Amino acid sequence: MSTSKNNSLRIVFMGTPEFAVESLKNILEADYNVVGVITAPDRPAGRGRKVQESAVKQFAVKHHLKVLQPTNLKDESFLKELKGLNANLQIVVAFRMLPKVVWQMPEHGTFNLHASLLPQYRGAAPINWAIINGEKETGVSTFFIDEKIDTGSIVLQKTEKILPNDSAGSLHDRLMAIGADLVVETCKKIETGTVTRLPQNESLELKSAPKIHKDTCRIDWNASMENIYNHIRGLSPYPGAWTKLVNDGKADQMKIFKTEMEQTEHDHNFGKLLVAKKSLKVAVKDGYISLLELQLPGKRKMQVNEVLNGLNLEKEAYLR
């Protein structure tokens, strides 16, 4: 990184998770002048409820950037401090909905990076839903923020294939890198006055990407094999698809992270577990789902052979 800053843009960056860190890193490496970073307040997390800083805060502090952590984005003292940074561009990556008084503030506006090809998959969980729905491609978009969620004019888009064995985790990492490049490209267009604004096509049949809830994560063993496979990988590694393991008169929750499909005919009830020495299969509509990586209550995530070593499954065991 050179010592001389590109001073035509004064950027405030807003983001919280790891997905946003890559974009902030690229902005700094492109020598843009980041005058402030807005991120979520520190929160207790994990079993010990230890206070944790966001991934963006940790990165920003390490790079000696000014950090603001407002609880209320309309708070007068925060707005005064934000205005005092004298930014002429704001960039949002995986943050939260901004009030108009914030996104309208800078001269060049506020643009957002979204992990889908807008207008498809507007909402909180675009990566998960694209895989759950069996899409073959997705991408990233930069767009200028307006009053509604993910509806503003598009600046740039980049397409990415969804591979048959992608999980939400592997796709997340690729989109994070592609998106970070797109953010810098968008900055360059704004800086040189060559930015274009393309209104989103509202006449399309739109698929949404709402927040994932616990009920969303439950596996329906009556669905088609492909739907079950996509559902599990679309929720892996986080938050994880779950089911109830009914064994020896008890029903315990079990999370499943990785599977394979085996297309064949059978006459088992859907959800029936078939145990071999090193494999565990579930009977479904079009064949079997082989379980490869799972997690039992109170245990760590394990490969199936590890699970089978310590788990006695009765002949009638099933998933529901």
C-alpha atoms as a PDB file:
ATOM      1  CA  MET A   1       0.000   0.000   0.000  1.00  0.00           C
ATOM      2  CA  SER A   2       1.504   3.371  -0.916  1.00  0.00           C
ATOM      3  CA  THR A   3       1.623   6.174   1.638  1.00  0.00           C
ATOM      4  CA  SER A   4      -0.090   8.785  -0.561  1.00  0.00           C
ATOM      5  CA  LYS A   5      -3.869   8.656  -0.317  1.00  0.00           C
ATOM      6  CA  ASN A   6      -6.278   9.151  -3.168  1.00  0.00           C
ATOM      7  CA  ASN A   7      -8.078  12.183  -1.724  1.00  0.00           C
ATOM      8  CA  SER A   8     -10.822  12.856  -4.274  1.00  0.00           C
ATOM      9  CA  LEU A   9     -13.085  10.439  -2.356  1.00  0.00           C
ATOM     10  CA  ARG A  10     -13.586  10.639   1.398  1.00  0.00           C
ATOM     11  CA  ILE A  11     -15.236   7.329   2.276  1.00  0.00           C
ATOM     12  CA  VAL A  12     -17.254   6.169   5.260  1.00  0.00           C
ATOM     13  CA  PHE A  13     -17.515   2.377   5.249  1.00  0.00           C
ATOM     14  CA  MET A  14     -20.395   0.555   6.966  1.00  0.00           C
ATOM     15  CA  GLY A  15     -20.347  -3.180   7.637  1.00  0.00           C
ATOM     16  CA  THR A  16     -20.216  -5.837  10.333  1.00  0.00           C
ATOM     17  CA  PRO A  17     -19.342  -9.478   9.417  1.00  0.00           C
ATOM     18  CA  GLU A  18     -16.361 -11.106   7.710  1.00  0.00           C
ATOM     19  CA  PHE A  19     -18.096 -10.703   4.314  1.00  0.00           C
ATOM     20  CA  ALA A  20     -17.623  -6.929   4.644  1.00  0.00           C
ATOM     21  CA  VAL A  21     -13.957  -7.084   5.711  1.00  0.00           C
ATOM     22  CA  GLU A  22     -12.746  -8.136   2.258  1.00  0.00           C
ATOM     23  CA  SER A  23     -14.357  -5.051   0.679  1.00  0.00           C
ATOM     24  CA  LEU A  24     -12.843  -2.703   3.279  1.00  0.00           C
ATOM     25  CA  LYS A  25      -9.442  -4.351   2.746  1.00  0.00           C
ATOM     26  CA  ASN A  26      -9.685  -3.848  -1.038  1.00  0.00           C
ATOM     27  CA  ILE A  27     -10.707  -0.206  -0.619  1.00  0.00           C
ATOM     28  CA  LEU A  28      -7.617   0.450   1.504  1.00  0.00           C
ATOM     29  CA  GLU A  29      -5.352  -1.468  -0.883  1.00  0.00           C
ATOM     30  CA  ALA A  30      -6.686   0.671  -3.758  1.00  0.00           C
ATOM     31  CA  ASP A  31      -5.488   3.675  -1.720  1.00  0.00           C
ATOM     32  CA  TYR A  32      -8.859   5.229  -1.091  1.00  0.00           C
ATOM     33  CA  ASN A  33      -9.207   7.538   1.860  1.00  0.00           C
ATOM     34  CA  VAL A  34     -11.438   5.880   4.503  1.00  0.00           C
ATOM     35  CA  VAL A  35     -12.320   8.597   7.007  1.00  0.00           C
ATOM     36  CA  GLY A  36     -14.514   6.426   9.228  1.00  0.00           C
ATOM     37  CA  VAL A  37     -15.962   2.955   9.748  1.00  0.00           C
ATOM     38  CA  ILE A  38     -19.458   2.339  11.134  1.00  0.00           C
ATOM     39  CA  THR A  39     -20.112  -1.107  12.586  1.00  0.00           C
ATOM     40  CA  ALA A  40     -22.371  -2.898  15.089  1.00  0.00           C
ATOM     41  CA  PRO A  41     -21.887  -2.392  18.834  1.00  0.00           C
ATOM     42  CA  ASP A  42     -19.822  -5.028  20.673  1.00  0.00           C
ATOM     43  CA  ARG A  43     -22.044  -7.904  21.805  1.00  0.00           C
ATOM     44  CA  PRO A  44     -21.745 -10.891  24.134  1.00  0.00           C
ATOM     45  CA  ALA A  45     -21.478 -14.122  22.150  1.00  0.00           C
ATOM     46  CA  GLY A  46     -20.778 -17.814  22.602  1.00  0.00           C
ATOM     47  CA  ARG A  47     -21.242 -19.979  25.673  1.00  0.00           C
ATOM     48  CA  GLY A  48     -19.222 -17.732  27.957  1.00  0.00           C
ATOM     49  CA  ARG A  49     -21.166 -14.648  26.745  1.00  0.00           C
ATOM     50  CA  LYS A  50     -17.802 -12.949  26.257  1.00  0.00           C
ATOM     51  CA  VAL A  51     -18.114  -9.511  24.636  1.00  0.00           C
ATOM     52  CA  GLN A  52     -17.036  -9.730  20.997  1.00  0.00           C
ATOM     53  CA  GLU A  53     -16.124  -7.050  18.494  1.00  0.00           C
ATOM     54  CA  SER A  54     -17.392  -7.361  14.921  1.00  0.00           C
ATOM     55  CA  ALA A  55     -14.990  -8.658  12.262  1.00  0.00           C
ATOM     56  CA  VAL A  56     -15.083  -5.194  10.643  1.00  0.00           C
ATOM     57  CA  LYS A  57     -14.196  -3.444  13.913  1.00  0.00           C
ATOM     58  CA  GLN A  58     -11.259  -5.777  14.526  1.00  0.00           C
ATOM     59  CA  PHE A  59      -9.916  -5.071  11.027  1.00  0.00           C
ATOM     60  CA  ALA A  60     -10.539  -1.302  11.280  1.00  0.00           C
ATOM     61  CA  VAL A  61      -8.778  -0.993  14.660  1.00  0.00           C
ATOM     62  CA  LYS A  62      -5.799  -2.954  13.346  1.00  0.00           C
ATOM     63  CA  HIS A  63      -5.542  -0.459  10.474  1.00  0.00           C
ATOM     64  CA  HIS A  64      -5.947   2.604  12.740  1.00  0.00           C
ATOM     65  CA  LEU A  65      -9.279   3.692  11.231  1.00  0.00           C
ATOM     66  CA  LYS A  66     -11.803   5.757  13.147  1.00  0.00           C
ATOM     67  CA  VAL A  67     -14.656   3.495  14.340  1.00  0.00           C
ATOM     68  CA  LEU A  68     -18.210   4.499  15.311  1.00  0.00           C
ATOM     69  CA  GLN A  69     -20.635   1.949  16.838  1.00  0.00           C
ATOM     70  CA  PRO A  70     -24.054   3.603  17.140  1.00  0.00           C
ATOM     71  CA  THR A  71     -26.982   1.708  18.619  1.00  0.00           C
ATOM     72  CA  ASN A  72     -29.399   4.172  17.007  1.00  0.00           C
ATOM     73  CA  LEU A  73     -28.632   5.500  13.522  1.00  0.00           C
ATOM     74  CA  LYS A  74     -30.975   8.458  14.048  1.00  0.00           C
ATOM     75  CA  ASP A  75     -29.303   9.576  17.275  1.00  0.00           C
ATOM     76  CA  GLU A  76     -28.389  13.281  17.070  1.00  0.00           C
ATOM     77  CA  SER A  77     -24.899  12.878  18.524  1.00  0.00           C
ATOM     78  CA  PHE A  78     -24.100  10.081  16.028  1.00  0.00           C
ATOM     79  CA  LEU A  79     -25.430  12.114  13.075  1.00  0.00           C
ATOM     80  CA  LYS A  80     -23.324  15.088  14.177  1.00  0.00           C
ATOM     81  CA  GLU A  81     -20.211  12.914  14.414  1.00  0.00           C
ATOM     82  CA  LEU A  82     -20.943  11.284  11.043  1.00  0.00           C
ATOM     83  CA  LYS A  83     -21.396  14.688   9.403  1.00  0.00           C
ATOM     84  CA  GLY A  84     -18.143  15.839  11.001  1.00  0.00           C
ATOM     85  CA  LEU A  85     -16.245  13.145   9.085  1.00  0.00           C
ATOM     86  CA  ASN A  86     -17.032  15.164   5.949  1.00  0.00           C
ATOM     87  CA  ALA A  87     -17.350  12.078   3.739  1.00  0.00           C
ATOM     88  CA  ASN A  88     -18.480  12.475   0.136  1.00  0.00           C
ATOM     89  CA  LEU A  89     -19.260   8.751  -0.347  1.00  0.00           C
ATOM     90  CA  GLN A  90     -20.638   6.010   1.897  1.00  0.00           C
ATOM     91  CA  ILE A  91     -20.245   2.296   1.171  1.00  0.00           C
ATOM     92  CA  VAL A  92     -22.412  -0.343   2.829  1.00  0.00           C
ATOM     93  CA  VAL A  93     -21.581  -4.068   2.895  1.00  0.00           C
ATOM     94  CA  ALA A  94     -23.637  -6.394   5.130  1.00  0.00           C
ATOM     95  CA  PHE A  95     -24.799  -3.757   7.598  1.00  0.00           C
ATOM     96  CA  ARG A  96     -28.372  -2.765   8.403  1.00  0.00           C
ATOM     97  CA  MET A  97     -31.085  -0.601   6.905  1.00  0.00           C
ATOM     98  CA  LEU A  98     -30.073   3.071   6.930  1.00  0.00           C
ATOM     99  CA  PRO A  99     -32.418   5.988   7.639  1.00  0.00           C
ATOM    100  CA  LYS A 100     -32.742   8.544   4.828  1.00  0.00           C
ATOM    101  CA  VAL A 101     -30.885  11.165   6.855  1.00  0.00           C
ATOM    102  CA  VAL A 102     -27.806   8.892   6.757  1.00  0.00           C
ATOM    103  CA  TRP A 103     -27.817   7.569   3.177  1.00  0.00           C
ATOM    104  CA  GLN A 104     -28.606  11.000   1.728  1.00  0.00           C
ATOM    105  CA  MET A 105     -25.768  12.712   3.579  1.00  0.00           C
ATOM    106  CA  PRO A 106     -22.736  12.445   1.231  1.00  0.00           C
ATOM    107  CA  GLU A 107     -22.395  14.302  -2.071  1.00  0.00           C
ATOM    108  CA  HIS A 108     -21.903  11.102  -4.112  1.00  0.00           C
ATOM    109  CA  GLY A 109     -24.596   9.179  -2.219  1.00  0.00           C
ATOM    110  CA  THR A 110     -24.383   5.764  -0.564  1.00  0.00           C
ATOM    111  CA  PHE A 111     -23.921   2.509  -2.432  1.00  0.00           C
ATOM    112  CA  ASN A 112     -24.412  -1.033  -1.211  1.00  0.00           C
ATOM    113  CA  LEU A 113     -22.899  -4.390  -2.186  1.00  0.00           C
ATOM    114  CA  HIS A 114     -25.519  -7.163  -2.325  1.00  0.00           C
ATOM    115  CA  ALA A 115     -24.748 -10.864  -2.821  1.00  0.00           C
ATOM    116  CA  SER A 116     -27.220 -11.555  -5.631  1.00  0.00           C
ATOM    117  CA  LEU A 117     -28.071 -10.435  -9.145  1.00  0.00           C
ATOM    118  CA  LEU A 118     -30.647  -7.823  -8.216  1.00  0.00           C
ATOM    119  CA  PRO A 119     -33.597  -7.529  -8.425  1.00  0.00           C
ATOM    120  CA  GLN A 120     -33.551 -11.270  -7.615  1.00  0.00           C
ATOM    121  CA  TYR A 121     -33.019 -12.307  -3.997  1.00  0.00           C
ATOM    122  CA  ARG A 122     -33.523  -9.011  -2.237  1.00  0.00           C
ATOM    123  CA  GLY A 123     -33.310  -9.475   1.518  1.00  0.00           C
ATOM    124  CA  ALA A 124     -31.126 -10.730   4.346  1.00  0.00           C
ATOM    125  CA  ALA A 125     -30.021 -14.168   3.108  1.00  0.00           C
ATOM    126  CA  PRO A 126     -29.429 -14.147  -0.681  1.00  0.00           C
ATOM    127  CA  ILE A 127     -26.604 -16.718  -0.658  1.00  0.00           C
ATOM    128  CA  ASN A 128     -28.603 -19.284   1.326  1.00  0.00           C
ATOM    129  CA  TRP A 129     -31.792 -18.930  -0.710  1.00  0.00           C
ATOM    130  CA  ALA A 130     -30.069 -19.127  -4.107  1.00  0.00           C
ATOM    131  CA  ILE A 131     -28.697 -22.568  -3.164  1.00  0.00           C
ATOM    132  CA  ILE A 132     -31.866 -23.729  -1.362  1.00  0.00           C
ATOM    133  CA  ASN A 133     -33.857 -22.912  -4.506  1.00  0.00           C
ATOM    134  CA  GLY A 134     -31.448 -24.867  -6.719  1.00  0.00           C
ATOM    135  CA  GLU A 135     -30.206 -21.896  -8.760  1.00  0.00           C
ATOM    136  CA  LYS A 136     -27.349 -22.579 -11.187  1.00  0.00           C
ATOM    137  CA  GLU A 137     -25.950 -19.055 -10.997  1.00  0.00           C
ATOM    138  CA  THR A 138     -26.015 -15.965  -8.820  1.00  0.00           C
ATOM    139  CA  GLY A 139     -23.654 -13.011  -8.417  1.00  0.00           C
ATOM    140  CA  VAL A 140     -23.036  -9.657  -6.790  1.00  0.00           C
ATOM    141  CA  SER A 141     -24.490  -6.201  -7.405  1.00  0.00           C
ATOM    142  CA  THR A 142     -23.568  -2.680  -6.367  1.00  0.00           C
ATOM    143  CA  PHE A 143     -26.457  -0.221  -6.224  1.00  0.00           C
ATOM    144  CA  PHE A 144     -27.309   3.195  -4.798  1.00  0.00           C
ATOM    145  CA  ILE A 145     -29.457   3.006  -1.676  1.00  0.00           C
ATOM    146  CA  ASP A 146     -32.969   4.446  -1.715  1.00  0.00           C
ATOM    147  CA  GLU A 147     -36.010   4.320   0.615  1.00  0.00           C
ATOM    148  CA  LYS A 148     -36.751   0.602   0.218  1.00  0.00           C
ATOM    149  CA  ILE A 149     -34.624  -2.498   0.814  1.00  0.00           C
ATOM    150  CA  ASP A 150     -32.323  -3.484  -2.082  1.00  0.00           C
ATOM    151  CA  THR A 151     -34.344  -1.587  -4.712  1.00  0.00           C
ATOM    152  CA  GLY A 152     -32.008   1.248  -5.771  1.00  0.00           C
ATOM    153  CA  SER A 153     -30.405   1.851  -9.166  1.00  0.00           C
ATOM    154  CA  ILE A 154     -27.747  -0.707 -10.109  1.00  0.00           C
ATOM    155  CA  VAL A 155     -24.182   0.383 -10.862  1.00  0.00           C
ATOM    156  CA  LEU A 156     -22.391  -2.916 -11.599  1.00  0.00           C
ATOM    157  CA  GLN A 157     -23.088  -6.666 -11.529  1.00  0.00           C
ATOM    158  CA  LYS A 158     -20.934  -9.777 -11.820  1.00  0.00           C
ATOM    159  CA  THR A 159     -22.266 -13.299 -12.351  1.00  0.00           C
ATOM    160  CA  GLU A 160     -20.950 -16.405 -10.545  1.00  0.00           C
ATOM    161  CA  LYS A 161     -21.827 -20.057 -11.197  1.00  0.00           C
ATOM    162  CA  ILE A 162     -23.257 -22.133  -8.358  1.00  0.00           C
ATOM    163  CA  LEU A 163     -21.491 -25.496  -8.438  1.00  0.00           C
ATOM    164  CA  PRO A 164     -23.426 -28.732  -7.737  1.00  0.00           C
ATOM    165  CA  ASN A 165     -21.520 -29.333  -4.494  1.00  0.00           C
ATOM    166  CA  ASP A 166     -21.354 -25.712  -3.309  1.00  0.00           C
ATOM    167  CA  SER A 167     -22.420 -24.974   0.245  1.00  0.00           C
ATOM    168  CA  ALA A 168     -23.516 -21.540   1.437  1.00  0.00           C
ATOM    169  CA  GLY A 169     -20.022 -21.303   2.952  1.00  0.00           C
ATOM    170  CA  SER A 170     -18.038 -21.974  -0.232  1.00  0.00           C
ATOM    171  CA  LEU A 171     -20.280 -19.678  -2.301  1.00  0.00           C
ATOM    172  CA  HIS A 172     -20.068 -16.975   0.407  1.00  0.00           C
ATOM    173  CA  ASP A 173     -16.263 -16.959   0.153  1.00  0.00           C
ATOM    174  CA  ARG A 174     -16.237 -16.612  -3.645  1.00  0.00           C
ATOM    175  CA  LEU A 175     -18.890 -13.866  -3.656  1.00  0.00           C
ATOM    176  CA  MET A 176     -17.003 -12.068  -0.876  1.00  0.00           C
ATOM    177  CA  ALA A 177     -13.889 -11.851  -3.105  1.00  0.00           C
ATOM    178  CA  ILE A 178     -15.778 -10.978  -6.317  1.00  0.00           C
ATOM    179  CA  GLY A 179     -17.860  -8.421  -4.431  1.00  0.00           C
ATOM    180  CA  ALA A 180     -14.800  -6.727  -2.950  1.00  0.00           C
ATOM    181  CA  ASP A 181     -13.415  -6.217  -6.469  1.00  0.00           C
ATOM    182  CA  LEU A 182     -16.782  -4.842  -7.614  1.00  0.00           C
ATOM    183  CA  VAL A 183     -16.788  -2.325  -4.739  1.00  0.00           C
ATOM    184  CA  VAL A 184     -13.425  -0.901  -5.866  1.00  0.00           C
ATOM    185  CA  GLU A 185     -14.574  -0.840  -9.496  1.00  0.00           C
ATOM    186  CA  THR A 186     -17.671   1.097  -8.400  1.00  0.00           C
ATOM    187  CA  CYS A 187     -15.486   3.583  -6.474  1.00  0.00           C
ATOM    188  CA  LYS A 188     -13.408   4.163  -9.610  1.00  0.00           C
ATOM    189  CA  LYS A 189     -16.526   4.921 -11.663  1.00  0.00           C
ATOM    190  CA  ILE A 190     -17.780   7.387  -9.045  1.00  0.00           C
ATOM    191  CA  GLU A 191     -14.341   8.997  -8.771  1.00  0.00           C
ATOM    192  CA  THR A 192     -13.996   9.462 -12.544  1.00  0.00           C
ATOM    193  CA  GLY A 193     -17.598  10.589 -13.067  1.00  0.00           C
ATOM    194  CA  THR A 194     -18.372   7.596 -15.317  1.00  0.00           C
ATOM    195  CA  VAL A 195     -20.911   5.940 -13.016  1.00  0.00           C
ATOM    196  CA  THR A 196     -24.201   4.809 -14.575  1.00  0.00           C
ATOM    197  CA  ARG A 197     -27.468   4.127 -12.733  1.00  0.00           C
ATOM    198  CA  LEU A 198     -29.691   1.398 -14.127  1.00  0.00           C
ATOM    199  CA  PRO A 199     -33.175   1.133 -12.557  1.00  0.00           C
ATOM    200  CA  GLN A 200     -34.046  -2.389 -11.410  1.00  0.00           C
ATOM    201  CA  ASN A 201     -36.460  -4.331 -13.606  1.00  0.00           C
ATOM    202  CA  GLU A 202     -39.641  -4.611 -11.536  1.00  0.00           C
ATOM    203  CA  SER A 203     -41.538  -6.530 -14.235  1.00  0.00           C
ATOM    204  CA  LEU A 204     -39.656  -9.778 -13.536  1.00  0.00           C
ATOM    205  CA  GLU A 205     -41.064 -12.566 -11.383  1.00  0.00           C
ATOM    206  CA  LEU A 206     -38.996 -11.958  -8.255  1.00  0.00           C
ATOM    207  CA  LYS A 207     -37.608 -14.442  -5.750  1.00  0.00           C
ATOM    208  CA  SER A 208     -36.900 -13.047  -2.297  1.00  0.00           C
ATOM    209  CA  ALA A 209     -34.275 -13.840   0.334  1.00  0.00           C
ATOM    210  CA  PRO A 210     -35.909 -13.311   3.744  1.00  0.00           C
ATOM    211  CA  LYS A 211     -34.115 -13.819   7.035  1.00  0.00           C
ATOM    212  CA  ILE A 212     -33.552 -17.491   7.889  1.00  0.00           C
ATOM    213  CA  HIS A 213     -35.499 -18.689  10.953  1.00  0.00           C
ATOM    214  CA  LYS A 214     -35.277 -21.963  12.870  1.00  0.00           C
ATOM    215  CA  ASP A 215     -38.426 -23.275  11.165  1.00  0.00           C
ATOM    216  CA  THR A 216     -36.822 -22.567   7.758  1.00  0.00           C
ATOM    217  CA  CYS A 217     -33.972 -24.892   8.695  1.00  0.00           C
ATOM    218  CA  ARG A 218     -36.054 -27.992   9.459  1.00  0.00           C
ATOM    219  CA  ILE A 219     -35.637 -30.735   6.847  1.00  0.00           C
ATOM    220  CA  ASP A 220     -38.773 -32.094   5.178  1.00  0.00           C
ATOM    221  CA  TRP A 221     -38.010 -35.743   4.393  1.00  0.00           C
ATOM    222  CA  ASN A 222     -41.110 -35.905   2.142  1.00  0.00           C
ATOM    223  CA  ALA A 223     -39.564 -33.419  -0.300  1.00  0.00           C
ATOM    224  CA  SER A 224     -37.692 -34.556  -3.406  1.00  0.00           C
ATOM    225  CA  MET A 225     -34.112 -35.780  -2.980  1.00  0.00           C
ATOM    226  CA  GLU A 226     -32.711 -32.782  -4.859  1.00  0.00           C
ATOM    227  CA  ASN A 227     -34.709 -30.314  -2.754  1.00  0.00           C
ATOM    228  CA  ILE A 228     -33.459 -31.912   0.467  1.00  0.00           C
ATOM    229  CA  TYR A 229     -29.864 -31.902  -0.815  1.00  0.00           C
ATOM    230  CA  ASN A 230     -30.102 -28.193  -1.794  1.00  0.00           C
ATOM    231  CA  HIS A 231     -31.777 -27.297   1.491  1.00  0.00           C
ATOM    232  CA  ILE A 232     -28.965 -28.850   3.552  1.00  0.00           C
ATOM    233  CA  ARG A 233     -26.087 -27.326   1.575  1.00  0.00           C
ATOM    234  CA  GLY A 234     -27.851 -23.962   1.407  1.00  0.00           C
ATOM    235  CA  LEU A 235     -27.789 -23.799   5.223  1.00  0.00           C
ATOM    236  CA  SER A 236     -24.234 -25.113   5.680  1.00  0.00           C
ATOM    237  CA  PRO A 237     -22.167 -24.222   7.638  1.00  0.00           C
ATOM    238  CA  TYR A 238     -24.530 -21.697   9.194  1.00  0.00           C
ATOM    239  CA  PRO A 239     -27.136 -21.841  10.651  1.00  0.00           C
ATOM    240  CA  GLY A 240     -27.358 -25.566   9.759  1.00  0.00           C
ATOM    241  CA  ALA A 241     -30.306 -27.677   8.596  1.00  0.00           C
ATOM    242  CA  TRP A 242     -31.835 -29.794  11.371  1.00  0.00           C
ATOM    243  CA  THR A 243     -34.083 -32.776  11.922  1.00  0.00           C
ATOM    244  CA  LYS A 244     -35.289 -34.968  14.777  1.00  0.00           C
ATOM    245  CA  LEU A 245     -33.487 -38.275  15.270  1.00  0.00           C
ATOM    246  CA  VAL A 246     -35.973 -40.757  16.733  1.00  0.00           C
ATOM    247  CA  ASN A 247     -34.008 -43.585  18.336  1.00  0.00           C
ATOM    248  CA  ASP A 248     -34.697 -45.887  21.278  1.00  0.00           C
ATOM    249  CA  GLY A 249     -37.900 -44.036  22.195  1.00  0.00           C
ATOM    250  CA  LYS A 250     -36.209 -40.600  22.287  1.00  0.00           C
ATOM    251  CA  ALA A 251     -36.316 -37.729  19.794  1.00  0.00           C
ATOM    252  CA  ASP A 252     -33.176 -35.564  19.690  1.00  0.00           C
ATOM    253  CA  GLN A 253     -32.368 -32.677  17.382  1.00  0.00           C
ATOM    254  CA  MET A 254     -29.586 -33.364  14.891  1.00  0.00           C
ATOM    255  CA  LYS A 255     -27.941 -30.935  12.465  1.00  0.00           C
ATOM    256  CA  ILE A 256     -26.788 -32.062   9.030  1.00  0.00           C
ATOM    257  CA  PHE A 257     -24.134 -30.143   7.070  1.00  0.00           C
ATOM    258  CA  LYS A 258     -22.957 -32.321   4.203  1.00  0.00           C
ATOM    259  CA  THR A 259     -24.657 -35.059   2.164  1.00  0.00           C
ATOM    260  CA  GLU A 260     -24.579 -36.941  -1.123  1.00  0.00           C
ATOM    261  CA  MET A 261     -27.463 -38.093  -3.330  1.00  0.00           C
ATOM    262  CA  GLU A 262     -27.975 -41.685  -4.426  1.00  0.00           C
ATOM    263  CA  GLN A 263     -30.727 -42.118  -6.976  1.00  0.00           C
ATOM    264  CA  THR A 264     -32.392 -45.525  -6.777  1.00  0.00           C
ATOM    265  CA  GLU A 265     -35.736 -47.202  -6.154  1.00  0.00           C
ATOM    266  CA  HIS A 266     -36.617 -48.558  -2.702  1.00  0.00           C
ATOM    267  CA  ASP A 267     -39.653 -49.404  -0.594  1.00  0.00           C
ATOM    268  CA  HIS A 268     -38.615 -47.785   2.720  1.00  0.00           C
ATOM    269  CA  ASN A 269     -40.634 -45.093   4.477  1.00  0.00           C
ATOM    270  CA  PHE A 270     -39.254 -41.595   3.903  1.00  0.00           C
ATOM    271  CA  GLY A 271     -36.922 -40.649   6.768  1.00  0.00           C
ATOM    272  CA  LYS A 272     -35.971 -44.255   7.527  1.00  0.00           C
ATOM    273  CA  LEU A 273     -32.299 -44.585   8.553  1.00  0.00           C
ATOM    274  CA  LEU A 274     -30.144 -47.298   7.015  1.00  0.00           C
ATOM    275  CA  VAL A 275     -26.932 -47.981   8.896  1.00  0.00           C
ATOM    276  CA  ALA A 276     -23.856 -49.723   7.519  1.00  0.00           C
ATOM    277  CA  LYS A 277     -20.409 -49.977   9.091  1.00  0.00           C
ATOM    278  CA  LYS A 278     -19.201 -46.623   7.784  1.00  0.00           C
ATOM    279  CA  SER A 279     -22.284 -45.070   6.216  1.00  0.00           C
ATOM    280  CA  LEU A 280     -25.619 -43.645   7.240  1.00  0.00           C
ATOM    281  CA  LYS A 281     -28.345 -43.170   4.642  1.00  0.00           C
ATOM    282  CA  VAL A 282     -31.844 -41.702   4.768  1.00  0.00           C
ATOM    283  CA  ALA A 283     -34.603 -43.047   2.533  1.00  0.00           C
ATOM    284  CA  VAL A 284     -36.248 -40.260   0.500  1.00  0.00           C
ATOM    285  CA  LYS A 285     -38.583 -39.953  -2.470  1.00  0.00           C
ATOM    286  CA  ASP A 286     -36.120 -40.640  -5.302  1.00  0.00           C
ATOM    287  CA  GLY A 287     -33.464 -42.673  -3.504  1.00  0.00           C
ATOM    288  CA  TYR A 288     -31.190 -42.082  -0.528  1.00  0.00           C
ATOM    289  CA  ILE A 289     -29.457 -39.104   1.048  1.00  0.00           C
ATOM    290  CA  SER A 290     -26.080 -40.206   2.459  1.00  0.00           C
ATOM    291  CA  LEU A 291     -25.152 -38.250   5.587  1.00  0.00           C
ATOM    292  CA  LEU A 292     -21.479 -37.188   5.584  1.00  0.00           C
ATOM    293  CA  GLU A 293     -21.159 -34.478   8.241  1.00  0.00           C
ATOM    294  CA  LEU A 294     -23.510 -33.975  11.183  1.00  0.00           C
ATOM    295  CA  GLN A 295     -23.824 -32.750  14.750  1.00  0.00           C
ATOM    296  CA  LEU A 296     -25.614 -34.374  17.661  1.00  0.00           C
ATOM    297  CA  PRO A 297     -26.908 -32.371  20.657  1.00  0.00           C
ATOM    298  CA  GLY A 298     -24.060 -31.088  22.845  1.00  0.00           C
ATOM    299  CA  LYS A 299     -21.435 -32.474  20.464  1.00  0.00           C
ATOM    300  CA  ARG A 300     -19.111 -30.909  17.916  1.00  0.00           C
ATOM    301  CA  LYS A 301     -19.588 -31.277  14.174  1.00  0.00           C
ATOM    302  CA  MET A 302     -18.374 -34.738  13.102  1.00  0.00           C
ATOM    303  CA  GLN A 303     -17.818 -36.936  10.067  1.00  0.00           C
ATOM    304  CA  VAL A 304     -20.328 -39.777   9.808  1.00  0.00           C
ATOM    305  CA  ASN A 305     -17.821 -42.521  10.714  1.00  0.00           C
ATOM    306  CA  GLU A 306     -17.008 -40.714  13.991  1.00  0.00           C
ATOM    307  CA  VAL A 307     -20.711 -40.438  14.791  1.00  0.00           C
ATOM    308  CA  LEU A 308     -21.322 -44.127  14.105  1.00  0.00           C
ATOM    309  CA  ASN A 309     -18.471 -45.104  16.433  1.00  0.00           C
ATOM    310  CA  GLY A 310     -20.262 -43.580  19.423  1.00  0.00           C
ATOM    311  CA  LEU A 311     -23.928 -43.916  18.512  1.00  0.00           C
ATOM    312  CA  ASN A 312     -26.056 -47.028  18.925  1.00  0.00           C
ATOM    313  CA  LEU A 313     -28.880 -46.854  16.414  1.00  0.00           C
ATOM    314  CA  GLU A 314     -31.741 -49.293  16.767  1.00  0.00           C
ATOM    315  CA  LYS A 315     -33.107 -50.966  13.665  1.00  0.00           C
ATOM    316  CA  GLU A 316     -36.268 -48.809  13.681  1.00  0.00           C
ATOM    317  CA  ALA A 317     -34.446 -45.461  14.013  1.00  0.00           C
ATOM    318  CA  TYR A 318     -35.669 -42.728  11.687  1.00  0.00           C
ATOM    319  CA  LEU A 319     -35.541 -38.975  11.046  1.00  0.00           C
ATOM    320  CA  ARG A 320     -38.569 -36.726  11.115  1.00  0.00           C
END
